C-alpha atoms as a PDB file:
ATOM      1  CA  MET A   1      51.399 -87.972  83.447  1.00  0.00           C
ATOM      2  CA  THR A   2      53.622 -90.941  82.579  1.00  0.00           C
ATOM      3  CA  PRO A   3      52.629 -93.955  84.582  1.00  0.00           C
ATOM      4  CA  ALA A   4      55.230 -95.165  87.074  1.00  0.00           C
ATOM      5  CA  PRO A   5      56.874 -98.586  86.582  1.00  0.00           C
ATOM      6  CA  ILE A   6      55.130-101.494  88.011  1.00  0.00           C
ATOM      7  CA  LYS A   7      56.406-102.458  91.352  1.00  0.00           C
ATOM      8  CA  VAL A   8      58.116-105.815  92.125  1.00  0.00           C
ATOM      9  CA  GLN A   9      55.866-108.818  91.920  1.00  0.00           C
ATOM     10  CA  ILE A  10      54.432-110.119  95.144  1.00  0.00           C
ATOM     11  CA  ASP A  11      52.646-113.236  96.345  1.00  0.00           C
ATOM     12  CA  LEU A  12      48.869-113.092  96.733  1.00  0.00           C
ATOM     13  CA  ALA A  13      49.449-113.804 100.491  1.00  0.00           C
ATOM     14  CA  VAL A  14      51.113-110.375 100.878  1.00  0.00           C
ATOM     15  CA  LEU A  15      48.216-108.513  99.405  1.00  0.00           C
ATOM     16  CA  GLU A  16      45.790-110.591 101.587  1.00  0.00           C
ATOM     17  CA  GLN A  17      47.423-109.170 104.680  1.00  0.00           C
ATOM     18  CA  ILE A  18      46.192-105.629 103.853  1.00  0.00           C
ATOM     19  CA  ASP A  19      42.734-105.049 105.265  1.00  0.00           C
ATOM     20  CA  VAL A  20      41.110-102.358 103.057  1.00  0.00           C
ATOM     21  CA  ARG A  21      37.492-101.441 104.030  1.00  0.00           C
ATOM     22  CA  VAL A  22      34.799 -99.074 103.103  1.00  0.00           C
ATOM     23  CA  GLY A  23      34.225 -96.239 105.649  1.00  0.00           C
ATOM     24  CA  THR A  24      31.646 -93.403 105.802  1.00  0.00           C
ATOM     25  CA  ILE A  25      33.406 -90.075 106.670  1.00  0.00           C
ATOM     26  CA  LEU A  26      31.382 -88.539 109.366  1.00  0.00           C
ATOM     27  CA  ALA A  27      33.408 -85.525 110.360  1.00  0.00           C
ATOM     28  CA  VAL A  28      36.452 -83.729 108.955  1.00  0.00           C
ATOM     29  CA  ASN A  29      38.233 -81.199 111.377  1.00  0.00           C
ATOM     30  CA  ASP A  30      41.547 -79.158 111.158  1.00  0.00           C
ATOM     31  CA  ILE A  31      44.432 -80.234 113.190  1.00  0.00           C
ATOM     32  CA  GLU A  32      45.911 -77.224 115.084  1.00  0.00           C
ATOM     33  CA  GLY A  33      49.322 -76.220 113.887  1.00  0.00           C
ATOM     34  CA  SER A  34      49.087 -78.269 110.506  1.00  0.00           C
ATOM     35  CA  ASP A  35      49.065 -76.956 107.150  1.00  0.00           C
ATOM     36  CA  LYS A  36      48.216 -80.388 105.642  1.00  0.00           C
ATOM     37  CA  LEU A  37      46.610 -82.676 108.148  1.00  0.00           C
ATOM     38  CA  VAL A  38      42.974 -83.148 108.899  1.00  0.00           C
ATOM     39  CA  GLN A  39      41.337 -85.503 111.421  1.00  0.00           C
ATOM     40  CA  MET A  40      38.537 -87.545 110.005  1.00  0.00           C
ATOM     41  CA  ARG A  41      35.896 -89.475 112.147  1.00  0.00           C
ATOM     42  CA  VAL A  42      35.110 -92.577 110.079  1.00  0.00           C
ATOM     43  CA  ASP A  43      32.208 -95.088 110.553  1.00  0.00           C
ATOM     44  CA  PHE A  44      33.092 -98.781 109.830  1.00  0.00           C
ATOM     45  CA  GLY A  45      29.704-100.218 110.688  1.00  0.00           C
ATOM     46  CA  ASP A  46      30.640-101.914 113.967  1.00  0.00           C
ATOM     47  CA  HIS A  47      32.874 -99.088 115.228  1.00  0.00           C
ATOM     48  CA  GLN A  48      34.189 -95.716 114.405  1.00  0.00           C
ATOM     49  CA  ARG A  49      37.942 -94.653 114.091  1.00  0.00           C
ATOM     50  CA  THR A  50      39.986 -91.458 113.843  1.00  0.00           C
ATOM     51  CA  ILE A  51      41.935 -91.361 110.631  1.00  0.00           C
ATOM     52  CA  VAL A  52      44.451 -88.483 110.122  1.00  0.00           C
ATOM     53  CA  SER A  53      45.184 -87.613 106.324  1.00  0.00           C
ATOM     54  CA  GLY A  54      47.342 -85.087 104.638  1.00  0.00           C
ATOM     55  CA  ILE A  55      44.454 -83.847 102.485  1.00  0.00           C
ATOM     56  CA  LYS A  56      43.965 -80.383 103.565  1.00  0.00           C
ATOM     57  CA  THR A  57      45.698 -78.676 100.654  1.00  0.00           C
ATOM     58  CA  GLU A  58      44.423 -81.226  98.163  1.00  0.00           C
ATOM     59  CA  ARG A  59      40.851 -79.816  98.222  1.00  0.00           C
ATOM     60  CA  ASP A  60      39.050 -76.486  98.265  1.00  0.00           C
ATOM     61  CA  SER A  61      37.178 -77.682 101.404  1.00  0.00           C
ATOM     62  CA  PRO A  62      38.038 -81.076 103.016  1.00  0.00           C
ATOM     63  CA  ARG A  63      34.707 -80.811 104.840  1.00  0.00           C
ATOM     64  CA  GLU A  64      33.046 -81.663 101.571  1.00  0.00           C
ATOM     65  CA  LEU A  65      34.092 -85.222 102.177  1.00  0.00           C
ATOM     66  CA  GLU A  66      31.653 -85.512 105.082  1.00  0.00           C
ATOM     67  CA  GLY A  67      28.935 -88.059 104.356  1.00  0.00           C
ATOM     68  CA  ARG A  68      30.957 -89.683 101.616  1.00  0.00           C
ATOM     69  CA  GLN A  69      32.268 -93.243 101.422  1.00  0.00           C
ATOM     70  CA  ALA A  70      35.950 -94.178 100.745  1.00  0.00           C
ATOM     71  CA  LEU A  71      38.475 -96.897 101.096  1.00  0.00           C
ATOM     72  CA  PHE A  72      40.687 -97.125 104.066  1.00  0.00           C
ATOM     73  CA  VAL A  73      43.565 -99.394 105.232  1.00  0.00           C
ATOM     74  CA  VAL A  74      42.454-100.386 108.678  1.00  0.00           C
ATOM     75  CA  ASN A  75      45.073-102.843 109.969  1.00  0.00           C
ATOM     76  CA  LEU A  76      48.093-100.400 110.145  1.00  0.00           C
ATOM     77  CA  ALA A  77      49.643 -99.810 113.601  1.00  0.00           C
ATOM     78  CA  PRO A  78      48.270 -96.664 115.111  1.00  0.00           C
ATOM     79  CA  ARG A  79      50.374 -93.596 114.519  1.00  0.00           C
ATOM     80  CA  LYS A  80      50.510 -90.309 116.357  1.00  0.00           C
ATOM     81  CA  MET A  81      50.667 -87.320 114.014  1.00  0.00           C
ATOM     82  CA  ARG A  82      50.548 -83.742 115.475  1.00  0.00           C
ATOM     83  CA  GLY A  83      49.338 -85.050 118.778  1.00  0.00           C
ATOM     84  CA  VAL A  84      46.325 -87.027 117.176  1.00  0.00           C
ATOM     85  CA  VAL A  85      46.524 -90.867 116.924  1.00  0.00           C
ATOM     86  CA  SER A  86      45.463 -92.118 113.523  1.00  0.00           C
ATOM     87  CA  GLU A  87      43.934 -95.479 113.496  1.00  0.00           C
ATOM     88  CA  GLY A  88      44.302 -96.349 109.708  1.00  0.00           C
ATOM     89  CA  MET A  89      44.987 -94.525 106.331  1.00  0.00           C
ATOM     90  CA  LEU A  90      42.751 -93.101 103.716  1.00  0.00           C
ATOM     91  CA  PHE A  91      43.290 -94.992 100.403  1.00  0.00           C
ATOM     92  CA  ASP A  92      43.413 -92.327  97.547  1.00  0.00           C
ATOM     93  CA  ILE A  93      44.528 -92.253  94.028  1.00  0.00           C
ATOM     94  CA  GLY A  94      47.182 -89.886  92.426  1.00  0.00           C
ATOM     95  CA  TYR A  95      49.267 -88.493  95.321  1.00  0.00           C
ATOM     96  CA  ALA A  96      52.200 -90.810  94.591  1.00  0.00           C
ATOM     97  CA  ASP A  97      52.146 -89.593  90.937  1.00  0.00           C
ATOM     98  CA  GLY A  98      51.977 -85.857  91.851  1.00  0.00           C
ATOM     99  CA  ILE A  99      48.508 -85.219  90.581  1.00  0.00           C
ATOM    100  CA  ARG A 100      45.550 -83.911  92.561  1.00  0.00           C
ATOM    101  CA  PRO A 101      44.361 -86.954  94.558  1.00  0.00           C
ATOM    102  CA  ALA A 102      40.986 -88.581  94.118  1.00  0.00           C
ATOM    103  CA  LEU A 103      39.171 -90.769  96.631  1.00  0.00           C
ATOM    104  CA  ALA A 104      39.010 -94.461  95.964  1.00  0.00           C
ATOM    105  CA  VAL A 105      35.145 -94.944  96.352  1.00  0.00           C
ATOM    106  CA  PRO A 106      32.615 -97.712  95.767  1.00  0.00           C
ATOM    107  CA  GLU A 107      30.670 -97.297  92.557  1.00  0.00           C
ATOM    108  CA  ALA A 108      27.400 -97.506  94.642  1.00  0.00           C
ATOM    109  CA  PRO A 109      26.742 -97.132  98.310  1.00  0.00           C
ATOM    110  CA  VAL A 110      27.711-100.272 100.387  1.00  0.00           C
ATOM    111  CA  PRO A 111      27.562-101.078 104.081  1.00  0.00           C
ATOM    112  CA  ALA A 112      30.225 -99.320 106.117  1.00  0.00           C
ATOM    113  CA  GLY A 113      32.886-101.914 106.914  1.00  0.00           C
ATOM    114  CA  ALA A 114      32.487-103.979 103.718  1.00  0.00           C
ATOM    115  CA  ARG A 115      35.915-105.331 102.680  1.00  0.00           C
ATOM    116  CA  ALA A 116      37.714-104.576  99.440  1.00  0.00           C
ATOM    117  CA  GLY A 117      39.533-107.183  97.428  1.00  0.00           C
END
């Protein structure tokens, strides 16, 4: 893989607008009629959310993610995909570069809802 060029420089204030938090994936379920999307139930400590992600074909079994922690963007506007409202986005590594994506995860367990950055 050849790394992509670095994107245009931004102010720190722009980055600080993105709310990235650790969530614990409680459940992963297929979305009827979709070859790529799964519905995850994610615990953020003080609440749970539904996150829809296109990871179905990226893993042998997306359900292997149940019980794992990962990073999620939690301040995106809700978006309906295949009839399911997604309340955030899984933050993974590699998809944009055309390689098999890997989860962005904390190196050790941390409380659900902990902020990244």
